[in-house]
Amino acid sequence: MSRYIVDEETGKIFRRDETGFHETRPIKDAMTGKYFDYDTGEEIPKEIIVTSQRIKAELKKQP
């Protein structure tokens, strides 16, 4: 199970650890196209990024 989750209402990505949930700031590696957690350097699974981007795109369409 991934330690990253996506908020279904906002599309924000959160990292779960022993102290709770923390909002992450994904950064994209230009060489590989992969996304990484700004704070930990861990790779964020592609499914999480795609889900986040889809939710944010749907929110932009709403009036």
N, C-alpha and C. Protein backbone atom coordinates (compact mmCIF):
# COMPACT_ATOMS: atom_id res chain seq x y z
N MET A 1 0.85 -1.18 0.00
CA MET A 1 0.00 0.00 0.00
C MET A 1 0.89 1.25 0.00
N SER A 2 0.50 2.20 -0.82
CA SER A 2 1.29 3.42 -0.93
C SER A 2 1.16 4.27 0.32
N ARG A 3 2.22 4.96 0.66
CA ARG A 3 2.14 5.89 1.78
C ARG A 3 1.68 7.26 1.33
N TYR A 4 1.31 7.37 0.05
CA TYR A 4 0.78 8.62 -0.50
C TYR A 4 -0.69 8.45 -0.83
N ILE A 5 -1.49 9.47 -0.52
CA ILE A 5 -2.91 9.45 -0.84
C ILE A 5 -3.28 10.79 -1.47
N VAL A 6 -4.42 10.79 -2.18
CA VAL A 6 -4.91 12.00 -2.83
C VAL A 6 -6.24 12.39 -2.19
N ASP A 7 -6.36 13.66 -1.82
CA ASP A 7 -7.63 14.18 -1.31
C ASP A 7 -8.59 14.28 -2.49
N GLU A 8 -9.73 13.58 -2.40
CA GLU A 8 -10.67 13.53 -3.52
C GLU A 8 -11.36 14.86 -3.78
N GLU A 9 -11.39 15.76 -2.81
CA GLU A 9 -12.06 17.05 -2.99
C GLU A 9 -11.15 18.12 -3.57
N THR A 10 -9.86 18.06 -3.24
CA THR A 10 -8.94 19.12 -3.69
C THR A 10 -7.88 18.64 -4.67
N GLY A 11 -7.61 17.34 -4.70
CA GLY A 11 -6.56 16.81 -5.56
C GLY A 11 -5.18 16.92 -4.95
N LYS A 12 -5.10 17.41 -3.70
CA LYS A 12 -3.80 17.54 -3.04
C LYS A 12 -3.28 16.17 -2.64
N ILE A 13 -1.95 16.04 -2.65
CA ILE A 13 -1.30 14.78 -2.31
C ILE A 13 -0.77 14.87 -0.89
N PHE A 14 -1.02 13.80 -0.12
CA PHE A 14 -0.55 13.74 1.26
C PHE A 14 0.31 12.50 1.47
N ARG A 15 1.32 12.63 2.32
CA ARG A 15 2.20 11.52 2.70
C ARG A 15 1.80 11.08 4.11
N ARG A 16 1.65 9.78 4.30
CA ARG A 16 1.32 9.23 5.61
C ARG A 16 2.59 8.68 6.24
N ASP A 17 2.85 9.05 7.50
CA ASP A 17 3.97 8.47 8.23
C ASP A 17 3.57 8.26 9.68
N GLU A 18 4.53 7.95 10.52
CA GLU A 18 4.22 7.64 11.92
C GLU A 18 3.66 8.82 12.70
N THR A 19 3.83 10.04 12.20
CA THR A 19 3.31 11.21 12.91
C THR A 19 2.01 11.74 12.33
N GLY A 20 1.49 11.11 11.29
CA GLY A 20 0.22 11.54 10.71
C GLY A 20 0.33 11.77 9.21
N PHE A 21 -0.49 12.71 8.73
CA PHE A 21 -0.54 13.03 7.30
C PHE A 21 0.08 14.40 7.07
N HIS A 22 0.86 14.50 5.99
CA HIS A 22 1.54 15.75 5.66
C HIS A 22 1.36 16.02 4.17
N GLU A 23 0.99 17.27 3.83
CA GLU A 23 0.84 17.62 2.43
C GLU A 23 2.22 17.60 1.76
N THR A 24 2.28 17.03 0.57
CA THR A 24 3.54 16.96 -0.16
C THR A 24 3.55 17.97 -1.29
N ARG A 25 4.75 18.29 -1.73
CA ARG A 25 4.94 19.15 -2.89
C ARG A 25 5.72 18.33 -3.92
N PRO A 26 4.99 17.69 -4.84
CA PRO A 26 5.70 16.87 -5.82
C PRO A 26 6.54 17.73 -6.77
N ILE A 27 7.74 17.26 -7.05
CA ILE A 27 8.60 17.92 -8.03
C ILE A 27 8.91 16.91 -9.13
N LYS A 28 8.99 17.40 -10.36
CA LYS A 28 9.22 16.52 -11.50
C LYS A 28 10.69 16.55 -11.90
N ASP A 29 11.26 15.36 -12.07
CA ASP A 29 12.63 15.23 -12.55
C ASP A 29 12.59 15.37 -14.08
N ALA A 30 13.23 16.38 -14.61
CA ALA A 30 13.19 16.64 -16.05
C ALA A 30 13.84 15.53 -16.86
N MET A 31 14.82 14.85 -16.29
CA MET A 31 15.53 13.80 -17.03
C MET A 31 14.68 12.53 -17.16
N THR A 32 13.99 12.15 -16.09
CA THR A 32 13.26 10.87 -16.08
C THR A 32 11.75 11.04 -16.22
N GLY A 33 11.23 12.23 -15.93
CA GLY A 33 9.80 12.46 -15.97
C GLY A 33 9.08 11.94 -14.73
N LYS A 34 9.83 11.46 -13.75
CA LYS A 34 9.23 10.94 -12.52
C LYS A 34 9.03 12.07 -11.52
N TYR A 35 8.07 11.87 -10.63
CA TYR A 35 7.78 12.86 -9.59
C TYR A 35 8.32 12.39 -8.25
N PHE A 36 8.84 13.35 -7.48
CA PHE A 36 9.42 13.04 -6.18
C PHE A 36 8.85 13.96 -5.12
N ASP A 37 8.82 13.46 -3.88
CA ASP A 37 8.37 14.24 -2.73
C ASP A 37 9.46 15.26 -2.42
N TYR A 38 9.10 16.53 -2.38
CA TYR A 38 10.06 17.60 -2.13
C TYR A 38 10.77 17.44 -0.79
N ASP A 39 10.05 16.98 0.22
CA ASP A 39 10.61 16.90 1.57
C ASP A 39 11.45 15.66 1.82
N THR A 40 11.06 14.51 1.24
CA THR A 40 11.77 13.26 1.55
C THR A 40 12.64 12.75 0.42
N GLY A 41 12.37 13.20 -0.81
CA GLY A 41 13.12 12.70 -1.95
C GLY A 41 12.61 11.38 -2.49
N GLU A 42 11.54 10.84 -1.88
CA GLU A 42 10.98 9.57 -2.33
C GLU A 42 10.19 9.76 -3.63
N GLU A 43 10.22 8.73 -4.48
CA GLU A 43 9.43 8.79 -5.70
C GLU A 43 7.95 8.62 -5.34
N ILE A 44 7.11 9.45 -5.94
CA ILE A 44 5.67 9.35 -5.75
C ILE A 44 5.13 8.50 -6.90
N PRO A 45 4.34 7.46 -6.58
CA PRO A 45 3.82 6.58 -7.64
C PRO A 45 3.05 7.35 -8.71
N LYS A 46 3.22 6.92 -9.95
CA LYS A 46 2.58 7.60 -11.08
C LYS A 46 1.06 7.65 -10.93
N GLU A 47 0.46 6.58 -10.37
CA GLU A 47 -1.00 6.54 -10.21
C GLU A 47 -1.48 7.69 -9.33
N ILE A 48 -0.70 8.03 -8.31
CA ILE A 48 -1.06 9.12 -7.39
C ILE A 48 -1.02 10.45 -8.14
N ILE A 49 0.02 10.67 -8.93
CA ILE A 49 0.15 11.92 -9.69
C ILE A 49 -0.99 12.05 -10.69
N VAL A 50 -1.30 10.97 -11.41
CA VAL A 50 -2.36 11.01 -12.42
C VAL A 50 -3.71 11.31 -11.78
N THR A 51 -3.99 10.67 -10.65
CA THR A 51 -5.25 10.91 -9.95
C THR A 51 -5.35 12.36 -9.49
N SER A 52 -4.28 12.89 -8.94
CA SER A 52 -4.25 14.27 -8.48
C SER A 52 -4.50 15.23 -9.64
N GLN A 53 -3.83 15.01 -10.75
CA GLN A 53 -3.98 15.89 -11.91
C GLN A 53 -5.39 15.82 -12.48
N ARG A 54 -5.99 14.62 -12.49
CA ARG A 54 -7.35 14.46 -13.00
C ARG A 54 -8.36 15.23 -12.14
N ILE A 55 -8.23 15.12 -10.82
CA ILE A 55 -9.14 15.82 -9.91
C ILE A 55 -8.99 17.33 -10.06
N LYS A 56 -7.75 17.81 -10.14
CA LYS A 56 -7.52 19.25 -10.29
C LYS A 56 -8.08 19.77 -11.62
N ALA A 57 -7.98 18.98 -12.68
CA ALA A 57 -8.53 19.37 -13.98
C ALA A 57 -10.05 19.45 -13.92
N GLU A 58 -10.68 18.50 -13.23
CA GLU A 58 -12.13 18.52 -13.08
C GLU A 58 -12.58 19.74 -12.28
N LEU A 59 -11.81 20.10 -11.26
CA LEU A 59 -12.16 21.27 -10.45
C LEU A 59 -12.09 22.56 -11.26
N LYS A 60 -11.14 22.64 -12.18
CA LYS A 60 -11.00 23.84 -13.02
C LYS A 60 -12.18 24.00 -13.97
N LYS A 61 -12.79 22.88 -14.37
CA LYS A 61 -13.93 22.91 -15.29
C LYS A 61 -15.20 23.41 -14.62
N GLN A 62 -15.28 23.25 -13.31
CA GLN A 62 -16.49 23.64 -12.58
C GLN A 62 -16.59 25.16 -12.48
N PRO A 63 -17.83 25.68 -12.62
CA PRO A 63 -18.00 27.15 -12.55
C PRO A 63 -17.80 27.69 -11.15
